């Protein structure tokens, strides 16, 4: 049997797997910086891939955004 590893998006935000399991999460600034890089390349995700990213990272980041401009930007990424 052959394992095929399709292209995928991996965002670690500098957090190790152990740190993530211990509860560490990226800051709103880190998420916004990653989102800007995605926008530069116009990377599009399938809806089924995007949903867990929105739920796990973008929604919490929106609540912890430091100002309305950042909150609006993060919210725009979920559309």
N, C-alpha and C. Protein backbone atom coordinates (compact mmCIF):
# COMPACT_ATOMS: atom_id res chain seq x y z
N UNK A 1 0.84 -1.16 0.00
CA UNK A 1 0.00 0.00 0.00
C UNK A 1 0.90 1.24 0.00
N UNK A 2 0.49 2.25 -0.76
CA UNK A 2 1.26 3.49 -0.85
C UNK A 2 0.47 4.62 -0.17
N UNK A 3 1.16 5.37 0.65
CA UNK A 3 0.54 6.50 1.33
C UNK A 3 0.78 7.76 0.50
N UNK A 4 -0.29 8.45 0.15
CA UNK A 4 -0.18 9.70 -0.60
C UNK A 4 -0.43 10.86 0.36
N UNK A 5 0.53 11.75 0.44
CA UNK A 5 0.42 12.93 1.31
C UNK A 5 0.08 14.12 0.43
N UNK A 6 -1.21 14.46 0.34
CA UNK A 6 -1.59 15.58 -0.53
C UNK A 6 -1.08 16.90 0.05
N UNK A 7 -0.96 17.92 -0.80
CA UNK A 7 -0.55 19.24 -0.29
C UNK A 7 -1.51 19.70 0.80
N UNK A 8 -0.96 20.31 1.80
CA UNK A 8 -1.79 20.80 2.90
C UNK A 8 -1.16 22.05 3.50
N UNK A 9 -1.95 22.74 4.27
CA UNK A 9 -1.51 23.96 4.92
C UNK A 9 -1.17 23.64 6.37
N UNK A 10 0.01 24.03 6.78
CA UNK A 10 0.41 23.80 8.15
C UNK A 10 0.82 25.13 8.77
N UNK A 11 0.12 25.52 9.82
CA UNK A 11 0.47 26.75 10.52
C UNK A 11 0.76 26.39 11.97
N UNK A 12 2.01 26.55 12.37
CA UNK A 12 2.38 26.21 13.74
C UNK A 12 2.49 27.44 14.63
N UNK A 13 2.66 28.60 14.04
CA UNK A 13 2.76 29.86 14.79
C UNK A 13 3.90 29.82 15.80
N UNK A 14 4.88 28.95 15.56
CA UNK A 14 6.01 28.84 16.48
C UNK A 14 5.69 28.08 17.75
N UNK A 15 4.54 27.42 17.78
CA UNK A 15 4.14 26.66 18.95
C UNK A 15 4.42 25.19 18.68
N UNK A 16 5.14 24.55 19.58
CA UNK A 16 5.42 23.12 19.41
C UNK A 16 4.15 22.32 19.68
N UNK A 17 4.17 21.08 19.26
CA UNK A 17 3.03 20.20 19.51
C UNK A 17 2.79 20.06 21.01
N UNK A 18 3.86 19.92 21.76
CA UNK A 18 3.73 19.78 23.22
C UNK A 18 3.11 21.04 23.84
N UNK A 19 3.54 22.21 23.37
CA UNK A 19 2.97 23.46 23.89
C UNK A 19 1.49 23.57 23.54
N UNK A 20 1.14 23.18 22.32
CA UNK A 20 -0.27 23.22 21.92
C UNK A 20 -1.10 22.29 22.79
N UNK A 21 -0.61 21.08 23.01
CA UNK A 21 -1.34 20.13 23.87
C UNK A 21 -1.48 20.65 25.29
N UNK A 22 -0.50 21.47 25.71
CA UNK A 22 -0.55 22.04 27.07
C UNK A 22 -1.45 23.26 27.15
N UNK A 23 -2.02 23.67 26.00
CA UNK A 23 -2.98 24.77 26.03
C UNK A 23 -2.51 26.07 25.39
N UNK A 24 -1.27 26.14 24.92
CA UNK A 24 -0.80 27.36 24.26
C UNK A 24 -1.57 27.58 22.97
N UNK A 25 -1.82 28.83 22.66
CA UNK A 25 -2.49 29.18 21.42
C UNK A 25 -1.79 30.40 20.83
N UNK A 26 -1.87 30.56 19.50
CA UNK A 26 -1.26 31.74 18.89
C UNK A 26 -2.00 33.01 19.29
N UNK A 27 -1.28 34.12 19.24
CA UNK A 27 -1.91 35.40 19.54
C UNK A 27 -2.69 35.89 18.32
N UNK A 28 -3.52 36.86 18.53
CA UNK A 28 -4.27 37.46 17.42
C UNK A 28 -3.30 38.06 16.40
N UNK A 29 -2.19 38.64 16.87
CA UNK A 29 -1.18 39.20 15.95
C UNK A 29 -0.57 38.12 15.07
N UNK A 30 -0.25 36.96 15.66
CA UNK A 30 0.32 35.87 14.89
C UNK A 30 -0.66 35.36 13.84
N UNK A 31 -1.91 35.27 14.21
CA UNK A 31 -2.93 34.80 13.27
C UNK A 31 -3.12 35.82 12.15
N UNK A 32 -3.15 37.10 12.49
CA UNK A 32 -3.30 38.13 11.47
C UNK A 32 -2.11 38.12 10.50
N UNK A 33 -0.90 37.92 11.02
CA UNK A 33 0.30 37.86 10.17
C UNK A 33 0.23 36.66 9.22
N UNK A 34 -0.21 35.53 9.72
CA UNK A 34 -0.34 34.34 8.87
C UNK A 34 -1.42 34.55 7.81
N UNK A 35 -2.51 35.17 8.21
CA UNK A 35 -3.59 35.45 7.26
C UNK A 35 -3.13 36.37 6.15
N UNK A 36 -2.29 37.34 6.48
CA UNK A 36 -1.76 38.26 5.47
C UNK A 36 -0.92 37.50 4.45
N UNK A 37 -0.12 36.55 4.92
CA UNK A 37 0.69 35.73 4.02
C UNK A 37 -0.20 34.89 3.11
N UNK A 38 -1.27 34.37 3.65
CA UNK A 38 -2.20 33.58 2.84
C UNK A 38 -2.83 34.45 1.77
N UNK A 39 -3.23 35.66 2.16
CA UNK A 39 -3.86 36.57 1.20
C UNK A 39 -2.90 36.96 0.07
N UNK A 40 -1.63 37.13 0.40
CA UNK A 40 -0.64 37.49 -0.62
C UNK A 40 -0.59 36.44 -1.72
N UNK A 41 -0.68 35.18 -1.33
CA UNK A 41 -0.62 34.10 -2.31
C UNK A 41 -1.99 33.67 -2.79
N UNK A 42 -3.04 34.30 -2.26
CA UNK A 42 -4.41 33.96 -2.60
C UNK A 42 -4.67 32.46 -2.50
N UNK A 43 -4.23 31.88 -1.39
CA UNK A 43 -4.46 30.46 -1.12
C UNK A 43 -5.91 30.27 -0.73
N UNK A 44 -6.56 29.34 -1.38
CA UNK A 44 -7.96 29.05 -1.07
C UNK A 44 -8.06 27.66 -0.45
N UNK A 45 -8.86 27.54 0.58
CA UNK A 45 -9.06 26.26 1.24
C UNK A 45 -10.44 25.70 0.90
N UNK A 46 -10.53 24.39 0.86
CA UNK A 46 -11.83 23.75 0.72
C UNK A 46 -12.66 24.09 1.96
N UNK A 47 -13.95 24.17 1.79
CA UNK A 47 -14.84 24.51 2.90
C UNK A 47 -14.65 23.57 4.08
N UNK A 48 -14.51 22.28 3.82
CA UNK A 48 -14.37 21.30 4.92
C UNK A 48 -13.04 21.46 5.65
N UNK A 49 -12.05 22.03 5.01
CA UNK A 49 -10.77 22.32 5.66
C UNK A 49 -10.88 23.64 6.42
N UNK A 50 -11.56 24.61 5.81
CA UNK A 50 -11.66 25.94 6.41
C UNK A 50 -12.48 25.96 7.70
N UNK A 51 -13.54 25.17 7.75
CA UNK A 51 -14.43 25.20 8.93
C UNK A 51 -13.69 24.96 10.24
N UNK A 52 -12.87 23.90 10.36
CA UNK A 52 -12.18 23.71 11.64
C UNK A 52 -11.14 24.79 11.93
N UNK A 53 -10.54 25.37 10.89
CA UNK A 53 -9.59 26.46 11.10
C UNK A 53 -10.30 27.67 11.67
N UNK A 54 -11.46 27.97 11.11
CA UNK A 54 -12.25 29.10 11.61
C UNK A 54 -12.65 28.86 13.05
N UNK A 55 -13.16 27.66 13.33
CA UNK A 55 -13.64 27.35 14.68
C UNK A 55 -12.50 27.33 15.71
N UNK A 56 -11.37 26.74 15.32
CA UNK A 56 -10.26 26.55 16.27
C UNK A 56 -9.41 27.80 16.46
N UNK A 57 -9.15 28.54 15.37
CA UNK A 57 -8.19 29.64 15.45
C UNK A 57 -8.80 31.02 15.25
N UNK A 58 -9.55 31.19 14.18
CA UNK A 58 -10.00 32.55 13.85
C UNK A 58 -11.08 33.07 14.79
N UNK A 59 -12.04 32.25 15.13
CA UNK A 59 -13.08 32.72 16.06
C UNK A 59 -12.50 33.13 17.41
N UNK A 60 -11.67 32.28 18.04
CA UNK A 60 -11.06 32.72 19.31
C UNK A 60 -10.18 33.97 19.15
N UNK A 61 -9.47 34.07 18.03
CA UNK A 61 -8.61 35.24 17.81
C UNK A 61 -9.44 36.51 17.68
N UNK A 62 -10.61 36.39 17.09
CA UNK A 62 -11.48 37.55 16.93
C UNK A 62 -11.88 38.09 18.30
N UNK A 63 -12.15 37.19 19.23
CA UNK A 63 -12.54 37.62 20.58
C UNK A 63 -11.38 38.23 21.36
N UNK A 64 -10.14 37.82 21.03
CA UNK A 64 -8.99 38.34 21.77
C UNK A 64 -8.25 39.45 21.01
N UNK A 65 -8.83 39.93 19.92
CA UNK A 65 -8.19 40.99 19.14
C UNK A 65 -8.02 42.24 19.99
N UNK A 66 -6.92 42.96 19.74
CA UNK A 66 -6.62 44.11 20.60
C UNK A 66 -7.39 45.37 20.23
N UNK A 67 -7.95 45.42 19.02
CA UNK A 67 -8.74 46.59 18.65
C UNK A 67 -9.76 46.20 17.58
N UNK A 68 -10.66 47.10 17.29
CA UNK A 68 -11.75 46.81 16.35
C UNK A 68 -11.23 46.55 14.94
N UNK A 69 -10.18 47.26 14.54
CA UNK A 69 -9.62 47.07 13.20
C UNK A 69 -9.13 45.63 13.03
N UNK A 70 -8.41 45.14 14.03
CA UNK A 70 -7.90 43.76 13.97
C UNK A 70 -9.07 42.77 14.02
N UNK A 71 -10.04 43.06 14.85
CA UNK A 71 -11.22 42.19 14.95
C UNK A 71 -11.95 42.13 13.60
N UNK A 72 -12.12 43.28 12.96
CA UNK A 72 -12.80 43.31 11.66
C UNK A 72 -12.00 42.53 10.61
N UNK A 73 -10.68 42.67 10.65
CA UNK A 73 -9.84 41.96 9.69
C UNK A 73 -9.96 40.45 9.86
N UNK A 74 -9.84 39.99 11.10
CA UNK A 74 -9.94 38.55 11.36
C UNK A 74 -11.33 38.05 10.95
N UNK A 75 -12.35 38.81 11.27
CA UNK A 75 -13.71 38.42 10.89
C UNK A 75 -13.84 38.32 9.37
N UNK A 76 -13.19 39.22 8.64
CA UNK A 76 -13.27 39.20 7.18
C UNK A 76 -12.69 37.92 6.60
N UNK A 77 -11.75 37.30 7.31
CA UNK A 77 -11.14 36.07 6.82
C UNK A 77 -12.08 34.88 6.90
N UNK A 78 -13.11 35.01 7.70
CA UNK A 78 -14.05 33.89 7.85
C UNK A 78 -15.14 33.90 6.79
N UNK A 79 -15.19 34.94 6.00
CA UNK A 79 -16.24 35.06 4.97
C UNK A 79 -15.88 34.34 3.72
